[in-house]
Amino acid sequence: MWFRNLLVYRLTQDLPFDAEALEAALATKLARSCASQELTTYGFIAPFGKGEDAPLVHVSGDFLLVAARKEERILPGSVVRDALKEKVEQIEAEQMRKVYKKERDQLKDEIIMSFLPRAFVRRSATFAAIAPKLGLILVDSASAKRAEDLLSTLREVLGSLPVRPLSVKMAPTATMTDWVKSQQAAPDFFVLDECELRDTAEDGGVVRCKRQDLTSEEIQLHLSTGKLVTQLSLAWQDKLSFMLDDKLVVKRLRFEDLLQDQAAQDGGDDNLGQLDASFTLMMLTFCNFLPALFEALGGEEVPEGI
């Protein structure tokens, strides 16, 4: 169970997060299949295991893991547009009259409802780790929308969930640009070979570099013209590598073989044991990595009153 992306949220109040109470709360909104006339459904699933007996909250030491699933019917807009055009042309030809917007909207709704039972269904799961002692919720997603879907549904079943996206005192672009300019990152962090550079002008250019020596004269020339680093590939110690962007989103997380081998050894031959061992080791790694990252980016910003 290794996260591939990371959005970090700060709990602004102390919450107990009792596992049994959380389990009962999540059970009030279970994931289910879309009915024939439903576009989408959203609810909680067991993060590990299947079946009715699989717990909705996985507990490992001080950490909790939850998961939610979105199910949606895929109805391509082009299919609806073509069907609507055909229907409008038929009415105008047969009844010798113009079809106006209000009627077109009604026809469109009717077409969507008739197509829904035959539409393909897509499922996607989002995982979140809760670390009460750290005061953090970590969502395995690079999309703020997907993360907010999970958090708002969690807030709905709990009644309250005071969280905010974690922010730092310095703009990440300024810090990352300085690292590339000085050719040296913060202690234990290493600049790798990929970045995105953006001009600060409104219609400024964008340069994306892959497998590039970021200490080269070419990159330094871009920086000298005023471009800022908005995405940067980094490594931390010998444990993980990732891409950091200007919104503080950690993408393309990769845990090095040393950690993965240790998790495989700790988990034994059982599949659930393997998942639990990797989740535990990942969270213990985050306990050291995240404070170091926030400190390297100027320290966490705490709004007044929190």
Foldseek 3Di string as FASTA:
>chain_A
DAFFWKFKKFFPDQDPPDVVVLQVLQVVFADDEDDQQDFKGKGWDQPDDDDPPRTQWDDDPQKIKHKMKMKGFDDDPVVLVVVLVVVQVVCCVVVVDHDDDVNSVVVSSVVSRVCRNVTDMDMDMKMWMDRSVVRMIIIRDLDPVVVVVVVVSSCVSVVHTRIDGWDADAQQQVQVQVCLLVVHAPPQKHFDWWWKWFAPDPPTDIDTTDNHDSNDPVNNVSVVVPITTAKTWMDGHQFWIFIAGRVRMTHRIDTDPVLLVVLDVQQPPDPVSSVSSSVVSNVVVCVPPVQVVSVSRHHIDDDPPD
